[in-house]
Amino acid sequence: MRAVVYKGPFEVAVENVPDPTLKHPNDVIVKITSSCICGSDLHMYEGRTAAQPGIVFGHENMGLIQEVGSAVKTLKVGDRVVMPFNVACGFCKNCQRGFTGFCTTVNPGFAGGAYGYVSMGPWGGGQAEYLQVPFADFNCLPLPPGSEFESDFALLADIFPTGYHGAVLADVSPGESVAVFGAGPVGIMAAYSCAIRGAAEIYVVDHVQERLDKASELGGIPINFDKGDPVQQIKDRRGGEGVDKAIDAVGYQAAAPGSSAAGGEQIEVPNIVLNQLIDVVNPTGALGIPGLYVPTDPGGVDENAKRGALSLNFGQLFEKGLRLATGQCNVKRYNAYLRDMIIAGKAKPGFVVSHTVSLDEATDAYVKFDKRIDGYTKVILTP
């Protein structure tokens, strides 16, 4: 089958690789109809992880079941499904408590697994024609047949639940003011989720104009950090007050003001957003941090950053009585509910998708998405 294969920093290729097979009676094989390129893929693409050449990318996957293992009970050939990026067993202690992003079965020695991602287990990625899905009854979310809502449903694999997770981590409630740092796909989905949860004012901080335009489309208040300290910009708009809640949808590759937005060209300040969150939130407020931080970063700006040790204004955090929650999204906690909102017409996250292109165009799509050019804000690959 054709698949997107990592070759080395800033290089992927569409190559022929072996087709996946059923390895356990509870597996299914899914024929992929949509697989998204994620900002998390760019960490590997840019050589900022321990990913080795040969890995097949793709953890945001959707398609039709092609083959069913003998132990699968609730799925059949032809079913339309979307899979959480978390690979999970459904029966370990963490899965039973709803923490499917921290499954202790699927990646021995580590809590958590994912498709096509470094250090997240042996699971191949879905930027390909076919995908092996383990523990299929648990991991496949059934969808209505046909092709309706294709781009909306594709986002149920990761960024819509992850954005919603950010709002949950920050405990966003009706009538509150929120600052979302980062207007990439997850940040836009976090802002959208805050709106769904009834937030009254949503500030969205970035410096890529296409992203800020997306924020404006959903009713967000765009804040360009190249034009001045974003915390002060927000406080100036609010008569000197900060906000009730804030969300970090940027992570460890945060860029300095005035820096290039292109991958590999940013001037990075990995702790800047964390400290801006602490600064902008009013006393007794809460911070939600779904943005990715890692324990090792080969391209870190200094020795501390290379081991994931960042300077945090913890004294201010404590003095203000702020709450902080973080961690990757447990997609199955949200995906069925968000699916039903899409079906009912209450949510349409697909507005964030800027480009749908053939799998054969993946090499070019990665370059443009990484450089933030030609309006590439969210990309779906179709085999």
Protein backbone atom coordinates (compact mmCIF):
# COMPACT_ATOMS: atom_id res chain seq x y z
CA MET A 1 0.00 0.00 0.00
CA ARG A 2 1.00 3.66 -0.32
CA ALA A 3 1.91 5.46 2.89
CA VAL A 4 3.61 8.63 4.16
CA VAL A 5 7.03 7.54 5.39
CA TYR A 6 9.40 9.66 7.49
CA LYS A 7 12.84 9.87 5.86
CA GLY A 8 14.59 12.36 8.15
CA PRO A 9 14.26 15.97 9.33
CA PHE A 10 12.00 17.95 6.98
CA GLU A 11 11.57 15.01 4.61
CA VAL A 12 8.71 12.59 4.06
CA ALA A 13 7.90 10.47 1.02
CA VAL A 14 4.91 8.51 -0.24
CA GLU A 15 6.20 4.98 -0.62
CA ASN A 16 4.92 1.44 -0.98
CA VAL A 17 4.98 -0.43 2.34
CA PRO A 18 3.50 -3.80 3.36
CA ASP A 19 -0.25 -3.89 3.90
CA PRO A 20 -1.29 -4.26 7.56
CA THR A 21 -2.74 -7.61 8.60
CA LEU A 22 -4.91 -8.91 11.40
CA LYS A 23 -2.53 -9.82 14.23
CA HIS A 24 -5.13 -10.64 16.89
CA PRO A 25 -8.75 -11.80 16.75
CA ASN A 26 -9.94 -8.44 18.11
CA ASP A 27 -8.27 -6.43 15.30
CA VAL A 28 -9.89 -4.87 12.28
CA ILE A 29 -8.34 -3.49 9.10
CA VAL A 30 -9.70 -0.08 8.08
CA LYS A 31 -9.57 1.27 4.53
CA ILE A 32 -8.68 4.91 5.15
CA THR A 33 -10.92 7.60 3.64
CA SER A 34 -9.48 10.59 5.55
CA SER A 35 -6.30 11.06 7.57
CA CYS A 36 -5.27 14.47 8.89
CA ILE A 37 -1.82 16.01 9.19
CA CYS A 38 -1.44 17.18 12.78
CA GLY A 39 0.77 19.81 14.35
CA SER A 40 2.14 16.98 16.48
CA ASP A 41 3.35 15.30 13.28
CA LEU A 42 5.46 18.40 12.65
CA HIS A 43 7.46 17.78 15.83
CA MET A 44 8.66 14.54 14.25
CA TYR A 45 8.89 16.00 10.75
CA GLU A 46 11.20 18.76 12.01
CA GLY A 47 13.48 16.26 13.76
CA ARG A 48 12.49 17.43 17.24
CA THR A 49 11.84 13.91 18.54
CA ALA A 50 13.60 10.55 18.58
CA ALA A 51 11.60 9.37 15.53
CA GLN A 52 13.66 7.16 13.24
CA PRO A 53 13.38 7.04 9.45
CA GLY A 54 10.82 4.50 8.30
CA ILE A 55 7.96 5.34 10.64
CA VAL A 56 4.59 5.73 8.88
CA PHE A 57 2.90 8.91 10.09
CA GLY A 58 -0.77 9.46 10.86
CA HIS A 59 -2.76 9.35 14.10
CA GLU A 60 -5.98 11.12 12.97
CA ASN A 61 -7.69 8.36 11.01
CA MET A 62 -11.11 7.55 9.61
CA GLY A 63 -12.43 5.05 7.10
CA LEU A 64 -14.40 1.91 6.28
CA ILE A 65 -13.82 -1.47 7.86
CA GLN A 66 -12.26 -3.80 5.30
CA GLU A 67 -11.57 -6.92 7.39
CA VAL A 68 -12.78 -8.07 10.82
CA GLY A 69 -11.08 -10.35 13.34
CA SER A 70 -12.97 -13.38 14.66
CA ALA A 71 -13.37 -11.94 18.18
CA VAL A 72 -14.82 -8.58 17.11
CA LYS A 73 -18.46 -8.40 18.21
CA THR A 74 -19.91 -4.98 17.39
CA LEU A 75 -18.39 -4.13 14.01
CA LYS A 76 -18.73 -5.51 10.49
CA VAL A 77 -17.16 -5.07 7.08
CA GLY A 78 -18.28 -1.79 5.52
CA ASP A 79 -18.89 0.07 8.77
CA ARG A 80 -17.76 3.69 8.73
CA VAL A 81 -15.60 4.49 11.75
CA VAL A 82 -13.21 7.04 13.21
CA MET A 83 -10.47 6.08 15.66
CA PRO A 84 -9.16 8.12 18.60
CA PHE A 85 -5.47 8.87 18.20
CA ASN A 86 -5.07 7.10 21.55
CA VAL A 87 -4.65 3.35 21.10
CA ALA A 88 -6.25 1.81 24.18
CA CYS A 89 -7.25 -1.60 25.49
CA GLY A 90 -10.40 -0.67 27.41
CA PHE A 91 -9.67 -2.91 30.41
CA CYS A 92 -6.55 -1.66 32.20
CA LYS A 93 -6.89 0.44 35.35
CA ASN A 94 -6.49 3.72 33.50
CA CYS A 95 -8.87 2.83 30.68
CA GLN A 96 -11.51 1.70 33.16
CA ARG A 97 -11.32 5.11 34.83
CA GLY A 98 -11.64 6.93 31.51
CA PHE A 99 -7.96 7.78 31.06
CA THR A 100 -7.62 6.10 27.68
CA GLY A 101 -4.73 8.39 26.75
CA PHE A 102 -2.70 6.61 29.42
CA CYS A 103 -3.43 2.95 28.66
CA THR A 104 -0.89 0.65 30.29
CA THR A 105 -1.48 -2.31 27.94
CA VAL A 106 -0.76 -1.10 24.42
CA ASN A 107 2.75 0.28 24.94
CA PRO A 108 4.53 -1.80 27.62
CA GLY A 109 6.64 0.26 29.97
CA PHE A 110 4.83 3.48 29.15
CA ALA A 111 1.35 4.87 29.88
CA GLY A 112 -0.16 5.72 26.51
CA GLY A 113 -0.12 4.61 22.89
CA ALA A 114 -0.90 6.16 19.51
CA TYR A 115 -0.87 5.38 15.80
CA GLY A 116 2.19 6.42 13.85
CA TYR A 117 3.95 8.31 16.62
CA VAL A 118 7.40 8.00 18.13
CA SER A 119 7.64 6.18 21.48
CA MET A 120 3.89 5.49 21.44
CA GLY A 121 4.00 1.79 20.67
CA PRO A 122 4.28 -0.46 17.61
CA TRP A 123 1.15 0.87 15.90
CA GLY A 124 1.48 1.94 12.27
CA GLY A 125 0.12 5.29 11.13
CA GLY A 126 -2.93 5.94 9.00
CA GLN A 127 -1.56 8.39 6.43
CA ALA A 128 -1.83 5.37 4.21
CA GLU A 129 -4.37 3.28 2.37
CA TYR A 130 -5.04 0.84 5.25
CA LEU A 131 -4.67 0.72 9.03
CA GLN A 132 -4.60 -2.07 11.62
CA VAL A 133 -6.81 -1.17 14.60
CA PRO A 134 -6.37 -3.28 17.79
CA PHE A 135 -9.06 -3.75 20.43
CA ALA A 136 -11.42 -2.65 17.66
CA ASP A 137 -14.71 -2.85 19.55
CA PHE A 138 -13.29 -0.32 22.00
CA ASN A 139 -11.27 1.89 19.63
CA CYS A 140 -13.63 2.31 16.67
CA LEU A 141 -16.34 4.96 16.98
CA PRO A 142 -19.21 4.06 14.62
CA LEU A 143 -20.46 6.76 12.27
CA PRO A 144 -23.54 7.07 10.03
CA PRO A 145 -22.99 5.44 6.62
CA GLY A 146 -22.29 7.53 3.54
CA SER A 147 -19.99 10.50 3.10
CA GLU A 148 -21.85 13.26 4.97
CA PHE A 149 -19.83 15.21 7.57
CA GLU A 150 -16.57 13.65 6.34
CA SER A 151 -14.30 16.55 7.36
CA ASP A 152 -16.22 17.12 10.61
CA PHE A 153 -16.03 13.47 11.63
CA ALA A 154 -12.33 13.22 10.70
CA LEU A 155 -11.57 15.80 13.40
CA LEU A 156 -13.06 13.48 16.06
CA ALA A 157 -9.82 11.49 15.97
CA ASP A 158 -7.90 14.26 17.72
CA ILE A 159 -8.24 18.00 17.40
CA PHE A 160 -11.95 18.50 18.20
CA PRO A 161 -11.79 16.34 21.35
CA THR A 162 -8.37 17.78 22.23
CA GLY A 163 -9.65 21.33 21.89
CA TYR A 164 -12.66 20.43 24.01
CA HIS A 165 -10.30 18.78 26.49
CA GLY A 166 -8.47 22.09 26.82
CA ALA A 167 -11.73 23.80 27.75
CA VAL A 168 -12.47 21.04 30.27
CA LEU A 169 -8.99 21.28 31.80
CA ALA A 170 -9.53 25.02 32.26
CA ASP A 171 -13.05 24.40 33.61
CA VAL A 172 -14.55 26.93 31.20
CA SER A 173 -18.09 27.78 32.25
CA PRO A 174 -20.94 29.89 30.81
CA GLY A 175 -20.36 33.63 30.90
CA GLU A 176 -16.63 33.46 31.53
CA SER A 177 -13.76 35.18 29.74
CA VAL A 178 -11.05 32.96 28.25
CA ALA A 179 -7.68 33.49 26.57
CA VAL A 180 -6.57 30.76 24.17
CA PHE A 181 -2.87 30.91 23.28
CA GLY A 182 -2.24 29.39 19.87
CA ALA A 183 -4.59 29.55 16.89
CA GLY A 184 -3.43 26.41 15.17
CA PRO A 185 -6.05 23.69 14.65
CA VAL A 186 -6.14 22.65 18.34
CA GLY A 187 -6.27 26.27 19.49
CA ILE A 188 -9.12 27.05 17.12
CA MET A 189 -10.97 23.96 18.34
CA ALA A 190 -10.31 25.01 21.95
CA ALA A 191 -11.78 28.45 21.23
CA TYR A 192 -14.73 26.82 19.43
CA SER A 193 -15.26 24.50 22.40
CA CYS A 194 -15.21 27.44 24.79
CA ALA A 195 -17.98 28.99 22.69
CA ILE A 196 -19.94 25.71 22.83
CA ARG A 197 -19.55 25.75 26.62
CA GLY A 198 -20.95 29.30 26.79
CA ALA A 199 -17.88 31.51 27.28
CA ALA A 200 -18.76 35.20 26.92
CA GLU A 201 -15.41 36.49 25.65
CA ILE A 202 -12.74 34.43 23.90
CA TYR A 203 -9.37 35.99 23.13
CA VAL A 204 -7.18 34.04 20.70
CA VAL A 205 -3.44 34.76 20.62
CA ASP A 206 -1.19 34.02 17.63
CA HIS A 207 0.84 35.84 14.97
CA VAL A 208 -0.14 34.01 11.78
CA GLN A 209 -2.81 36.12 10.07
CA GLU A 210 -4.69 33.19 8.48
CA ARG A 211 -5.05 31.65 11.92
CA LEU A 212 -6.24 34.88 13.50
CA ASP A 213 -8.77 35.23 10.68
CA LYS A 214 -10.12 31.76 11.55
CA ALA A 215 -10.45 32.87 15.16
CA SER A 216 -12.46 35.90 14.05
CA GLU A 217 -14.78 33.68 11.99
CA LEU A 218 -15.94 31.88 15.13
CA GLY A 219 -16.41 35.07 17.10
CA GLY A 220 -13.04 35.11 18.84
CA ILE A 221 -11.12 38.30 19.56
CA PRO A 222 -7.76 38.02 17.73
CA ILE A 223 -4.61 39.13 19.54
CA ASN A 224 -1.41 39.36 17.46
CA PHE A 225 1.57 38.95 19.79
CA ASP A 226 3.89 40.49 17.19
CA LYS A 227 2.13 43.80 17.90
CA GLY A 228 2.88 43.82 21.61
CA ASP A 229 2.69 41.83 24.84
CA PRO A 230 -0.49 39.75 24.45
CA VAL A 231 -1.22 39.82 28.17
CA GLN A 232 -1.16 43.62 28.18
CA GLN A 233 -3.27 43.75 25.00
CA ILE A 234 -5.94 41.64 26.67
CA LYS A 235 -5.83 43.64 29.91
CA ASP A 236 -6.08 46.90 27.97
CA ARG A 237 -9.26 45.63 26.32
CA ARG A 238 -10.68 44.63 29.71
CA GLY A 239 -10.01 47.78 31.66
CA GLY A 240 -6.91 46.38 33.33
CA GLU A 241 -8.47 43.06 34.28
CA GLY A 242 -7.24 39.65 33.17
CA VAL A 243 -9.45 36.72 32.21
CA ASP A 244 -11.18 33.96 34.16
CA LYS A 245 -9.52 31.06 32.37
CA ALA A 246 -6.72 30.43 29.86
CA ILE A 247 -5.64 27.59 27.58
CA ASP A 248 -2.18 26.76 26.21
CA ALA A 249 -2.61 25.23 22.76
CA VAL A 250 0.99 25.98 21.73
CA GLY A 251 3.35 23.76 23.72
CA TYR A 252 7.10 23.63 23.88
CA GLN A 253 7.84 25.13 20.46
CA ALA A 254 6.41 28.54 21.37
CA ALA A 255 7.78 31.36 19.22
CA ALA A 256 9.17 34.71 20.30
CA PRO A 257 7.47 37.95 19.17
CA GLY A 258 8.62 38.89 15.68
CA SER A 259 9.90 35.40 14.97
CA SER A 260 9.26 33.54 11.75
CA ALA A 261 6.27 31.21 11.90
CA ALA A 262 7.91 28.64 9.63
CA GLY A 263 9.00 25.33 11.06
CA GLY A 264 12.70 25.23 11.83
CA GLU A 265 12.99 29.01 11.54
CA GLN A 266 11.28 30.14 14.74
CA ILE A 267 13.10 31.83 17.56
CA GLU A 268 11.77 29.69 20.39
CA VAL A 269 11.00 30.59 23.99
CA PRO A 270 9.59 27.30 25.31
CA ASN A 271 8.23 28.65 28.60
CA ILE A 272 6.78 31.93 27.33
CA VAL A 273 3.17 30.81 26.95
CA LEU A 274 3.08 29.03 30.32
CA ASN A 275 4.15 32.21 32.07
CA GLN A 276 1.79 34.38 30.01
CA LEU A 277 -1.09 32.15 31.13
CA ILE A 278 -0.12 32.67 34.76
CA ASP A 279 0.09 36.42 34.15
CA VAL A 280 -3.20 36.86 32.28
CA VAL A 281 -5.53 34.80 34.50
CA ASN A 282 -7.23 36.52 37.41
CA PRO A 283 -6.72 35.21 40.96
CA THR A 284 -8.51 31.89 41.66
CA GLY A 285 -8.79 31.17 37.93
CA ALA A 286 -7.66 28.07 36.05
CA LEU A 287 -5.20 27.08 33.33
CA GLY A 288 -5.76 24.25 30.85
CA ILE A 289 -2.64 22.98 29.08
CA PRO A 290 -3.33 20.51 26.24
CA GLY A 291 -0.32 21.92 24.33
CA LEU A 292 2.45 19.36 23.98
CA TYR A 293 5.47 19.39 26.30
CA VAL A 294 8.10 16.66 26.19
CA PRO A 295 10.70 15.27 28.62
CA THR A 296 13.39 15.26 25.93
CA ASP A 297 13.83 17.70 23.04
CA PRO A 298 16.94 17.21 20.85
CA GLY A 299 16.48 20.68 19.37
CA GLY A 300 15.89 22.49 22.64
CA VAL A 301 17.19 26.05 22.96
CA ASP A 302 19.39 25.20 25.97
CA GLU A 303 20.36 22.23 28.12
CA ASN A 304 17.34 22.64 30.38
CA ALA A 305 14.95 22.77 27.43
CA LYS A 306 16.57 19.65 25.97
CA ARG A 307 15.48 17.72 29.08
CA GLY A 308 12.06 19.36 29.33
CA ALA A 309 12.98 21.50 32.38
CA LEU A 310 11.35 24.91 31.93
CA SER A 311 11.37 27.94 34.23
CA LEU A 312 7.87 28.64 35.58
CA ASN A 313 6.65 31.58 37.65
CA PHE A 314 5.36 29.22 40.30
CA GLY A 315 5.39 31.85 43.02
CA GLN A 316 2.90 33.94 41.08
CA LEU A 317 0.84 30.83 40.31
CA PHE A 318 0.64 30.06 44.03
CA GLU A 319 0.05 33.64 45.14
CA LYS A 320 -2.89 33.99 42.74
CA GLY A 321 -4.40 30.66 43.83
CA LEU A 322 -4.51 29.38 40.28
CA ARG A 323 -5.44 25.83 39.32
CA LEU A 324 -3.53 24.04 36.60
CA ALA A 325 -4.40 20.89 34.64
CA THR A 326 -2.57 19.28 31.76
CA GLY A 327 -2.02 16.04 29.86
CA GLN A 328 -2.96 14.61 26.48
CA CYS A 329 -6.62 14.16 25.65
CA ASN A 330 -8.53 11.01 26.54
CA VAL A 331 -10.44 11.09 23.26
CA LYS A 332 -13.04 8.45 24.14
CA ARG A 333 -14.23 10.59 27.04
CA TYR A 334 -15.62 13.07 24.51
CA ASN A 335 -15.79 11.68 20.97
CA ALA A 336 -19.25 10.06 21.02
CA TYR A 337 -20.85 13.18 22.47
CA LEU A 338 -19.11 15.43 19.96
CA ARG A 339 -20.13 13.07 17.12
CA ASP A 340 -23.75 13.40 18.18
CA MET A 341 -23.44 17.20 18.29
CA ILE A 342 -22.20 17.12 14.68
CA ILE A 343 -25.07 14.89 13.59
CA ALA A 344 -27.58 17.16 15.35
CA GLY A 345 -26.13 20.24 13.66
CA LYS A 346 -24.94 21.72 16.95
CA ALA A 347 -21.26 21.61 15.98
CA LYS A 348 -19.45 21.87 12.65
CA PRO A 349 -15.71 21.75 13.36
CA GLY A 350 -14.80 21.13 9.73
CA PHE A 351 -14.61 24.88 9.14
CA VAL A 352 -11.01 24.68 10.37
CA VAL A 353 -9.97 22.44 7.44
CA SER A 354 -8.19 24.53 4.83
CA HIS A 355 -7.10 21.85 2.35
CA THR A 356 -8.16 18.32 1.38
CA VAL A 357 -5.54 16.76 -0.90
CA SER A 358 -4.58 13.38 -2.26
CA LEU A 359 -2.22 11.17 -0.27
CA ASP A 360 0.15 11.46 -3.22
CA GLU A 361 0.46 15.20 -2.49
CA ALA A 362 1.53 14.63 1.13
CA THR A 363 5.16 15.67 0.60
CA ASP A 364 4.12 19.11 -0.67
CA ALA A 365 1.40 19.41 1.98
CA TYR A 366 3.90 18.82 4.78
CA VAL A 367 6.20 21.54 3.44
CA LYS A 368 3.39 24.10 3.18
CA PHE A 369 1.79 23.18 6.51
CA ASP A 370 5.13 23.37 8.28
CA LYS A 371 5.98 26.75 6.74
CA ARG A 372 2.46 28.10 7.39
CA ILE A 373 2.14 29.26 3.79
CA ASP A 374 -0.61 29.29 1.13
CA GLY A 375 -3.25 29.22 3.86
CA TYR A 376 -2.36 25.72 5.04
CA THR A 377 -3.97 25.66 8.50
CA LYS A 378 -5.41 22.10 8.60
CA VAL A 379 -4.90 19.39 5.99
CA ILE A 380 -6.80 16.17 5.29
CA LEU A 381 -5.16 13.50 3.14
CA THR A 382 -7.35 11.19 1.07
CA PRO A 383 -5.81 7.96 -0.31
